[in-house]
N, C-alpha and C. Protein backbone atom coordinates (compact mmCIF):
# COMPACT_ATOMS: atom_id res chain seq x y z
N UNK A 1 67.96 92.46 92.14
CA UNK A 1 67.87 91.58 90.82
C UNK A 1 67.11 90.64 90.99
N UNK A 2 65.54 90.79 89.76
CA UNK A 2 65.08 89.60 89.67
C UNK A 2 65.62 88.03 88.99
N UNK A 3 65.40 87.28 88.79
CA UNK A 3 65.55 85.83 88.63
C UNK A 3 66.05 86.03 86.89
N UNK A 4 65.48 86.83 86.24
CA UNK A 4 65.18 87.01 84.94
C UNK A 4 66.79 87.32 84.16
N UNK A 5 66.86 88.80 85.04
CA UNK A 5 67.69 89.11 84.86
C UNK A 5 68.68 88.99 85.03
N UNK A 6 69.07 87.93 86.22
CA UNK A 6 70.26 87.21 86.99
C UNK A 6 70.84 86.37 85.81
N UNK A 7 70.00 85.79 85.23
CA UNK A 7 70.43 84.67 83.85
C UNK A 7 70.38 85.40 82.90
N UNK A 8 70.19 85.98 82.40
CA UNK A 8 70.61 87.07 81.68
C UNK A 8 72.24 87.44 81.89
N UNK A 9 72.38 88.07 82.76
CA UNK A 9 73.66 88.55 83.29
C UNK A 9 74.47 87.64 83.48
N UNK A 10 74.27 86.74 83.75
CA UNK A 10 75.38 85.24 84.02
C UNK A 10 75.63 85.34 82.61
N UNK A 11 74.58 84.84 81.63
CA UNK A 11 74.72 84.07 80.23
C UNK A 11 75.42 85.46 79.41
N UNK A 12 75.91 86.43 79.80
CA UNK A 12 76.75 87.59 78.99
C UNK A 12 77.69 86.82 79.78
N UNK A 13 78.09 87.24 81.17
CA UNK A 13 79.33 86.86 81.48
C UNK A 13 79.94 85.76 80.91
N UNK A 14 79.52 84.71 80.83
CA UNK A 14 80.12 83.68 80.61
C UNK A 14 80.14 83.65 78.60
N UNK A 15 79.16 83.85 78.20
CA UNK A 15 79.91 84.33 77.01
C UNK A 15 81.24 85.36 76.57
N UNK A 16 81.51 86.44 77.47
CA UNK A 16 82.11 87.01 77.18
C UNK A 16 83.20 86.34 77.56
N UNK A 17 83.30 85.68 79.19
CA UNK A 17 84.36 84.85 79.42
C UNK A 17 84.81 83.52 77.93
N UNK A 18 83.78 82.94 77.42
CA UNK A 18 84.30 82.07 76.76
C UNK A 18 84.94 83.17 75.58
N UNK A 19 84.60 84.02 75.15
CA UNK A 19 85.15 84.73 73.81
C UNK A 19 86.63 85.14 74.28
N UNK A 20 86.49 85.92 75.03
CA UNK A 20 88.55 86.40 75.58
C UNK A 20 88.81 85.18 75.76
N UNK A 21 88.63 83.85 76.50
CA UNK A 21 89.35 82.94 76.44
C UNK A 21 89.88 81.76 74.84
N UNK A 22 88.66 82.22 73.89
CA UNK A 22 89.40 81.87 72.98
C UNK A 22 90.24 82.82 72.19
N UNK A 23 89.77 83.52 72.11
CA UNK A 23 90.86 84.69 71.20
C UNK A 23 92.37 84.55 72.07
N UNK A 24 92.42 84.33 73.28
CA UNK A 24 93.80 84.40 73.95
C UNK A 24 94.53 82.95 74.04
N UNK A 25 93.41 81.94 74.03
CA UNK A 25 93.93 80.22 73.62
C UNK A 25 93.97 80.22 72.08
N UNK A 26 93.18 80.88 71.38
CA UNK A 26 93.21 80.34 70.01
C UNK A 26 94.89 80.28 69.09
N UNK A 27 95.67 80.77 69.23
CA UNK A 27 97.00 80.21 68.78
C UNK A 27 96.97 79.03 69.17
N UNK A 28 97.21 78.82 70.84
CA UNK A 28 97.82 77.64 71.28
C UNK A 28 96.84 75.91 70.86
N UNK A 29 95.98 76.70 70.76
CA UNK A 29 94.87 75.80 69.91
C UNK A 29 95.41 75.47 68.52
N UNK A 30 95.84 76.24 67.55
CA UNK A 30 96.10 76.11 66.39
C UNK A 30 97.36 75.17 66.20
N UNK A 31 98.41 75.99 67.28
CA UNK A 31 99.96 74.80 67.07
C UNK A 31 99.58 73.13 67.46
N UNK A 32 97.95 73.07 68.68
CA UNK A 32 98.10 71.92 68.71
C UNK A 32 97.70 70.91 67.62
N UNK A 33 96.43 71.63 66.83
CA UNK A 33 96.56 70.60 66.17
C UNK A 33 97.04 70.87 64.77
N UNK A 34 97.94 71.69 64.44
CA UNK A 34 99.01 71.45 63.62
C UNK A 34 99.91 70.25 63.64
N UNK A 35 100.34 70.52 65.38
CA UNK A 35 100.91 68.87 66.00
C UNK A 35 100.93 67.72 65.42
N UNK A 36 99.51 67.71 66.11
CA UNK A 36 98.40 66.53 65.96
C UNK A 36 98.19 65.88 64.43
N UNK A 37 98.22 66.96 63.40
CA UNK A 37 97.95 66.62 61.85
C UNK A 37 99.04 65.80 61.62
N UNK A 38 100.53 66.74 61.86
CA UNK A 38 101.79 66.27 61.01
C UNK A 38 102.30 65.21 61.93
N UNK A 39 101.56 64.98 62.94
CA UNK A 39 102.33 63.52 63.62
C UNK A 39 101.12 62.20 63.57
N UNK A 40 99.97 62.83 63.49
CA UNK A 40 99.15 61.43 63.57
C UNK A 40 97.90 61.34 62.07
N UNK A 41 97.88 62.18 61.63
CA UNK A 41 97.28 62.74 60.58
C UNK A 41 95.96 62.93 60.96
N UNK A 42 94.81 62.78 60.32
CA UNK A 42 93.21 63.42 60.08
C UNK A 42 92.74 61.70 61.25
N UNK A 43 91.81 62.42 61.77
CA UNK A 43 90.85 63.41 62.10
C UNK A 43 91.68 64.13 63.19
N UNK A 44 91.64 65.52 63.68
CA UNK A 44 92.65 66.16 64.38
C UNK A 44 92.01 66.39 65.97
N UNK A 45 90.59 66.30 65.82
CA UNK A 45 89.39 66.20 66.48
C UNK A 45 88.54 64.83 67.25
N UNK A 46 88.24 64.19 68.53
CA UNK A 46 87.55 63.28 68.79
C UNK A 46 86.51 63.55 69.09
N UNK A 47 85.28 63.16 68.60
CA UNK A 47 83.83 63.64 69.15
C UNK A 47 83.33 62.35 69.91
N UNK A 48 82.75 62.93 71.06
CA UNK A 48 82.13 62.17 72.16
C UNK A 48 81.17 62.06 72.09
N UNK A 49 80.04 61.61 72.26
CA UNK A 49 78.23 61.76 72.46
C UNK A 49 78.37 61.89 74.07
N UNK A 50 78.28 62.68 75.07
CA UNK A 50 78.26 61.94 76.39
C UNK A 50 75.97 62.87 76.82
N UNK A 51 75.67 62.27 77.45
CA UNK A 51 74.65 62.58 78.72
C UNK A 51 75.13 64.14 79.58
N UNK A 52 74.25 65.54 79.15
CA UNK A 52 74.41 66.18 79.95
C UNK A 52 73.19 66.27 80.97
N UNK A 53 73.03 67.48 81.25
CA UNK A 53 71.90 68.25 82.26
C UNK A 53 70.48 67.79 82.01
N UNK A 54 70.07 66.73 82.78
CA UNK A 54 68.96 66.57 82.87
C UNK A 54 68.85 65.31 81.41
N UNK A 55 69.58 64.94 81.44
CA UNK A 55 70.15 63.37 80.42
C UNK A 55 70.08 64.07 79.10
N UNK A 56 70.14 65.68 79.00
CA UNK A 56 70.03 65.84 77.20
C UNK A 56 71.36 65.66 76.63
N UNK A 57 71.83 65.35 75.39
CA UNK A 57 73.15 64.35 75.19
C UNK A 57 73.15 66.12 74.50
N UNK A 58 75.11 65.47 74.50
CA UNK A 58 75.68 66.82 73.78
C UNK A 58 77.15 66.52 73.74
N UNK A 59 77.73 66.69 72.28
CA UNK A 59 78.91 66.21 71.76
C UNK A 59 79.99 67.17 72.39
N UNK A 60 80.65 66.44 72.94
CA UNK A 60 82.25 66.78 73.89
C UNK A 60 83.05 66.68 72.77
N UNK A 61 83.92 67.66 71.93
CA UNK A 61 85.16 67.73 71.15
C UNK A 61 86.42 67.44 72.09
N UNK A 62 87.32 66.81 71.55
CA UNK A 62 88.75 67.08 72.24
C UNK A 62 89.80 66.76 70.72
N UNK A 63 91.16 67.22 71.35
CA UNK A 63 91.90 66.98 70.27
C UNK A 63 92.00 65.15 70.54
N UNK A 64 92.65 64.85 69.54
CA UNK A 64 92.94 63.18 69.38
C UNK A 64 94.59 63.16 69.80
N UNK A 65 94.85 62.31 70.77
CA UNK A 65 95.84 62.40 71.02
C UNK A 65 96.35 60.55 71.50
N UNK A 66 95.31 59.83 70.85
CA UNK A 66 95.71 58.00 71.27
C UNK A 66 95.79 57.83 69.60
N UNK A 67 96.64 56.91 69.62
CA UNK A 67 96.73 56.35 68.15
C UNK A 67 96.46 54.73 68.26
N UNK A 68 95.74 54.11 67.17
CA UNK A 68 95.68 52.78 67.17
C UNK A 68 96.39 51.71 66.72
N UNK A 69 97.92 52.38 66.78
CA UNK A 69 98.80 51.29 66.20
C UNK A 69 99.49 50.77 67.24
N UNK A 70 99.54 49.12 66.07
CA UNK A 70 100.06 48.22 67.03
C UNK A 70 101.02 47.77 66.69
N UNK A 71 101.95 46.79 67.06
CA UNK A 71 103.00 46.04 66.23
C UNK A 71 102.56 44.61 66.32
N UNK A 72 103.56 43.66 65.31
CA UNK A 72 103.21 42.30 65.47
C UNK A 72 102.55 41.15 66.49
N UNK A 73 102.87 41.59 67.94
CA UNK A 73 102.64 40.89 68.70
C UNK A 73 101.49 41.25 69.14
N UNK A 74 100.69 42.37 68.55
CA UNK A 74 99.43 43.05 69.35
C UNK A 74 99.52 44.04 70.51
N UNK A 75 101.06 44.39 70.78
CA UNK A 75 101.21 45.36 71.72
C UNK A 75 101.10 46.81 71.07
N UNK A 76 100.87 47.52 71.98
CA UNK A 76 100.64 48.96 70.97
C UNK A 76 101.83 49.53 70.97
N UNK A 77 102.52 50.01 69.67
CA UNK A 77 103.47 50.22 69.09
C UNK A 77 104.54 51.34 70.34
N UNK A 78 105.69 51.41 70.10
CA UNK A 78 106.90 52.27 70.92
C UNK A 78 106.52 53.56 70.74
N UNK A 79 106.23 54.08 69.54
CA UNK A 79 105.66 55.58 69.62
C UNK A 79 104.22 55.94 70.12
N UNK A 80 103.42 55.06 70.00
CA UNK A 80 102.31 55.37 70.60
C UNK A 80 101.79 55.14 72.36
N UNK A 81 103.16 54.48 72.79
CA UNK A 81 103.01 54.13 73.93
C UNK A 81 103.66 55.41 74.77
N UNK A 82 102.85 55.64 76.18
CA UNK A 82 103.66 56.54 77.31
C UNK A 82 104.73 55.97 77.42
N UNK A 83 106.35 57.18 77.81
CA UNK A 83 107.02 56.65 78.15
C UNK A 83 107.33 56.09 79.77
N UNK A 84 108.19 54.82 79.85
CA UNK A 84 107.90 54.37 81.09
C UNK A 84 108.69 55.41 81.96
N UNK A 85 108.15 55.16 83.15
CA UNK A 85 108.92 56.26 84.20
C UNK A 85 109.84 55.49 84.89
N UNK A 86 109.48 53.95 84.93
CA UNK A 86 110.75 53.50 85.32
C UNK A 86 112.62 53.48 84.45
N UNK A 87 112.31 53.67 83.46
CA UNK A 87 113.07 53.95 82.82
C UNK A 87 113.20 53.09 81.11
């Protein structure tokens, strides 16, 4: 196979795998989005601009999982803090 045909075949395989993964994981992503919306409100997604291949920027989307809640002393509020493994 020539190089161009290999690139097209890989692209088709990548798109097919991504499509199947989205169909299988879509309901789970919906539940996670609903949980974030009910517990923390909007926005549900966090967008982060990063340098990619050959320094070409791209936008990375992640579910928002951190809060910016603080108590009166300036510490993060207990609801937003991770559980202490020591108890």
